[in-house]
Amino acid sequence: MKERFIAAACNTRSEKEKGNEIITLIFNNSFWTALKENNQHLQPLLIANIILQRDSLYLDHVYPMFSYLYNYFNTLKG
């Protein structure tokens, strides 16, 4: 399957090498594990960003959000 994909999608040698790198990456489980872990670390930042960009933001929303982020990332260190 891998060879058929590369043969169908690539014309030059450099394209074939790049296609081979991409396919190797797709079948690499550690890549997907690292991507999932990065996504889990970015999720709290996304939520904080959405909350802190609201038009009706008050100071009493800012402090708990930074406190939450500090505690979340502090637990990752230990």
N, C-alpha and C. Protein backbone atom coordinates (compact mmCIF):
# COMPACT_ATOMS: atom_id res chain seq x y z
N MET A 1 0.82 -1.19 0.00
CA MET A 1 0.00 0.00 0.00
C MET A 1 0.86 1.25 0.00
N LYS A 2 1.90 1.25 0.83
CA LYS A 2 2.78 2.40 0.94
C LYS A 2 3.43 2.71 -0.41
N GLU A 3 3.91 1.68 -1.09
CA GLU A 3 4.58 1.88 -2.37
C GLU A 3 3.61 2.38 -3.43
N ARG A 4 2.36 1.89 -3.41
CA ARG A 4 1.36 2.34 -4.40
C ARG A 4 1.03 3.81 -4.19
N PHE A 5 0.92 4.22 -2.92
CA PHE A 5 0.62 5.62 -2.63
C PHE A 5 1.74 6.52 -3.12
N ILE A 6 2.97 6.15 -2.83
CA ILE A 6 4.11 6.97 -3.25
C ILE A 6 4.20 7.02 -4.77
N ALA A 7 3.99 5.89 -5.44
CA ALA A 7 4.07 5.86 -6.90
C ALA A 7 2.97 6.71 -7.53
N ALA A 8 1.79 6.73 -6.93
CA ALA A 8 0.67 7.49 -7.49
C ALA A 8 0.78 8.98 -7.22
N ALA A 9 1.35 9.36 -6.09
CA ALA A 9 1.35 10.76 -5.68
C ALA A 9 2.63 11.51 -6.00
N CYS A 10 3.69 10.80 -6.30
CA CYS A 10 5.00 11.46 -6.43
C CYS A 10 5.59 11.23 -7.80
N ASN A 11 6.21 12.28 -8.34
CA ASN A 11 6.84 12.18 -9.65
C ASN A 11 8.36 12.16 -9.56
N THR A 12 8.92 13.05 -8.78
CA THR A 12 10.37 13.15 -8.70
C THR A 12 10.90 12.36 -7.50
N ARG A 13 12.21 12.19 -7.48
CA ARG A 13 12.82 11.44 -6.39
C ARG A 13 12.64 12.16 -5.05
N SER A 14 12.77 13.49 -5.05
CA SER A 14 12.61 14.23 -3.79
C SER A 14 11.18 14.13 -3.27
N GLU A 15 10.20 14.12 -4.19
CA GLU A 15 8.80 13.95 -3.76
C GLU A 15 8.59 12.56 -3.18
N LYS A 16 9.22 11.57 -3.77
CA LYS A 16 9.09 10.20 -3.25
C LYS A 16 9.71 10.08 -1.86
N GLU A 17 10.86 10.74 -1.66
CA GLU A 17 11.49 10.71 -0.34
C GLU A 17 10.62 11.41 0.69
N LYS A 18 10.05 12.56 0.30
CA LYS A 18 9.17 13.29 1.21
C LYS A 18 7.91 12.47 1.51
N GLY A 19 7.34 11.83 0.49
CA GLY A 19 6.17 10.97 0.70
C GLY A 19 6.48 9.82 1.63
N ASN A 20 7.67 9.26 1.50
CA ASN A 20 8.08 8.16 2.38
C ASN A 20 8.22 8.65 3.81
N GLU A 21 8.77 9.86 4.01
CA GLU A 21 8.87 10.43 5.36
C GLU A 21 7.49 10.65 5.98
N ILE A 22 6.56 11.14 5.17
CA ILE A 22 5.21 11.41 5.68
C ILE A 22 4.52 10.12 6.07
N ILE A 23 4.63 9.11 5.24
CA ILE A 23 3.99 7.82 5.55
C ILE A 23 4.61 7.19 6.79
N THR A 24 5.92 7.29 6.92
CA THR A 24 6.59 6.77 8.11
C THR A 24 6.08 7.48 9.36
N LEU A 25 5.90 8.79 9.25
CA LEU A 25 5.39 9.57 10.38
C LEU A 25 3.96 9.17 10.73
N ILE A 26 3.14 8.92 9.72
CA ILE A 26 1.75 8.54 9.95
C ILE A 26 1.66 7.23 10.73
N PHE A 27 2.54 6.29 10.42
CA PHE A 27 2.50 5.00 11.10
C PHE A 27 3.34 4.95 12.37
N ASN A 28 3.87 6.07 12.79
CA ASN A 28 4.69 6.15 14.00
C ASN A 28 3.79 6.44 15.20
N ASN A 29 3.64 5.48 16.09
CA ASN A 29 2.76 5.64 17.25
C ASN A 29 3.24 6.71 18.22
N SER A 30 4.54 6.87 18.36
CA SER A 30 5.05 7.87 19.30
C SER A 30 4.70 9.28 18.85
N PHE A 31 4.61 9.50 17.54
CA PHE A 31 4.19 10.82 17.04
C PHE A 31 2.77 11.14 17.52
N TRP A 32 1.88 10.18 17.37
CA TRP A 32 0.48 10.42 17.75
C TRP A 32 0.32 10.54 19.25
N THR A 33 1.12 9.81 20.01
CA THR A 33 1.09 9.93 21.47
C THR A 33 1.56 11.32 21.90
N ALA A 34 2.64 11.79 21.30
CA ALA A 34 3.15 13.13 21.62
C ALA A 34 2.16 14.21 21.20
N LEU A 35 1.51 14.02 20.07
CA LEU A 35 0.52 14.99 19.61
C LEU A 35 -0.67 15.06 20.57
N LYS A 36 -1.11 13.91 21.05
CA LYS A 36 -2.21 13.88 22.01
C LYS A 36 -1.81 14.55 23.32
N GLU A 37 -0.59 14.31 23.77
CA GLU A 37 -0.11 14.93 25.00
C GLU A 37 -0.02 16.46 24.85
N ASN A 38 0.47 16.92 23.72
CA ASN A 38 0.53 18.36 23.46
C ASN A 38 -0.86 18.97 23.43
N ASN A 39 -1.80 18.26 22.85
CA ASN A 39 -3.18 18.74 22.80
C ASN A 39 -3.76 18.88 24.21
N GLN A 40 -3.45 17.93 25.07
CA GLN A 40 -3.93 17.99 26.45
C GLN A 40 -3.33 19.18 27.20
N HIS A 41 -2.09 19.54 26.88
CA HIS A 41 -1.46 20.70 27.52
C HIS A 41 -2.02 22.02 26.99
N LEU A 42 -2.44 22.03 25.75
CA LEU A 42 -2.95 23.26 25.15
C LEU A 42 -4.42 23.52 25.49
N GLN A 43 -5.15 22.49 25.84
CA GLN A 43 -6.58 22.63 26.13
C GLN A 43 -6.88 23.67 27.22
N PRO A 44 -6.20 23.66 28.37
CA PRO A 44 -6.47 24.69 29.39
C PRO A 44 -6.16 26.10 28.89
N LEU A 45 -5.13 26.23 28.06
CA LEU A 45 -4.81 27.55 27.52
C LEU A 45 -5.90 28.03 26.56
N LEU A 46 -6.47 27.13 25.81
CA LEU A 46 -7.57 27.48 24.91
C LEU A 46 -8.78 27.96 25.71
N ILE A 47 -9.12 27.24 26.74
CA ILE A 47 -10.27 27.62 27.58
C ILE A 47 -10.02 28.98 28.22
N ALA A 48 -8.82 29.19 28.75
CA ALA A 48 -8.50 30.47 29.37
C ALA A 48 -8.56 31.59 28.35
N ASN A 49 -8.07 31.34 27.16
CA ASN A 49 -8.09 32.35 26.11
C ASN A 49 -9.51 32.75 25.75
N ILE A 50 -10.39 31.78 25.64
CA ILE A 50 -11.79 32.06 25.30
C ILE A 50 -12.45 32.89 26.41
N ILE A 51 -12.20 32.51 27.65
CA ILE A 51 -12.81 33.22 28.78
C ILE A 51 -12.25 34.63 28.90
N LEU A 52 -10.95 34.79 28.75
CA LEU A 52 -10.33 36.09 28.96
C LEU A 52 -10.53 37.06 27.80
N GLN A 53 -11.05 36.61 26.67
CA GLN A 53 -11.30 37.50 25.55
C GLN A 53 -12.75 37.97 25.46
N ARG A 54 -13.56 37.57 26.39
CA ARG A 54 -14.97 37.97 26.36
C ARG A 54 -15.10 39.47 26.54
N ASP A 55 -16.14 40.04 25.96
CA ASP A 55 -16.42 41.47 26.11
C ASP A 55 -16.86 41.81 27.52
N SER A 56 -17.52 40.90 28.18
CA SER A 56 -18.05 41.16 29.52
C SER A 56 -17.11 40.64 30.60
N LEU A 57 -15.80 40.76 30.39
CA LEU A 57 -14.82 40.24 31.33
C LEU A 57 -14.65 41.20 32.50
N TYR A 58 -14.66 40.65 33.70
CA TYR A 58 -14.40 41.42 34.91
C TYR A 58 -13.14 40.88 35.58
N LEU A 59 -12.59 41.67 36.46
CA LEU A 59 -11.36 41.27 37.14
C LEU A 59 -11.54 40.00 37.95
N ASP A 60 -12.74 39.79 38.45
CA ASP A 60 -12.95 38.57 39.25
C ASP A 60 -12.98 37.30 38.38
N HIS A 61 -12.94 37.44 37.07
CA HIS A 61 -12.78 36.28 36.18
C HIS A 61 -11.31 36.02 35.88
N VAL A 62 -10.50 37.06 35.92
CA VAL A 62 -9.10 36.95 35.53
C VAL A 62 -8.29 36.18 36.57
N TYR A 63 -8.42 36.57 37.82
CA TYR A 63 -7.62 35.93 38.87
C TYR A 63 -7.87 34.42 38.97
N PRO A 64 -9.12 33.96 39.02
CA PRO A 64 -9.32 32.50 39.11
C PRO A 64 -8.77 31.75 37.89
N MET A 65 -8.83 32.40 36.71
CA MET A 65 -8.32 31.72 35.52
C MET A 65 -6.80 31.56 35.59
N PHE A 66 -6.10 32.63 36.00
CA PHE A 66 -4.65 32.51 36.13
C PHE A 66 -4.28 31.55 37.26
N SER A 67 -5.06 31.53 38.30
CA SER A 67 -4.83 30.60 39.39
C SER A 67 -4.99 29.16 38.91
N TYR A 68 -6.03 28.92 38.12
CA TYR A 68 -6.27 27.59 37.56
C TYR A 68 -5.09 27.17 36.67
N LEU A 69 -4.65 28.09 35.78
CA LEU A 69 -3.54 27.76 34.89
C LEU A 69 -2.26 27.50 35.68
N TYR A 70 -2.01 28.32 36.68
CA TYR A 70 -0.81 28.13 37.50
C TYR A 70 -0.83 26.76 38.17
N ASN A 71 -1.95 26.41 38.77
CA ASN A 71 -2.06 25.11 39.45
C ASN A 71 -1.97 23.94 38.47
N TYR A 72 -2.59 24.10 37.31
CA TYR A 72 -2.57 23.02 36.30
C TYR A 72 -1.14 22.74 35.86
N PHE A 73 -0.42 23.78 35.46
CA PHE A 73 0.92 23.57 34.95
C PHE A 73 1.93 23.29 36.07
N ASN A 74 1.64 23.71 37.26
CA ASN A 74 2.50 23.39 38.40
C ASN A 74 2.43 21.89 38.73
N THR A 75 1.27 21.29 38.57
CA THR A 75 1.15 19.85 38.85
C THR A 75 1.86 19.01 37.78
N LEU A 76 2.05 19.56 36.61
CA LEU A 76 2.75 18.82 35.56
C LEU A 76 4.24 18.67 35.87
N LYS A 77 4.79 19.63 36.58
CA LYS A 77 6.22 19.58 36.91
C LYS A 77 6.53 18.45 37.88
N GLY A 78 5.67 18.25 38.84
CA GLY A 78 5.94 17.30 39.91
C GLY A 78 5.59 15.94 39.56
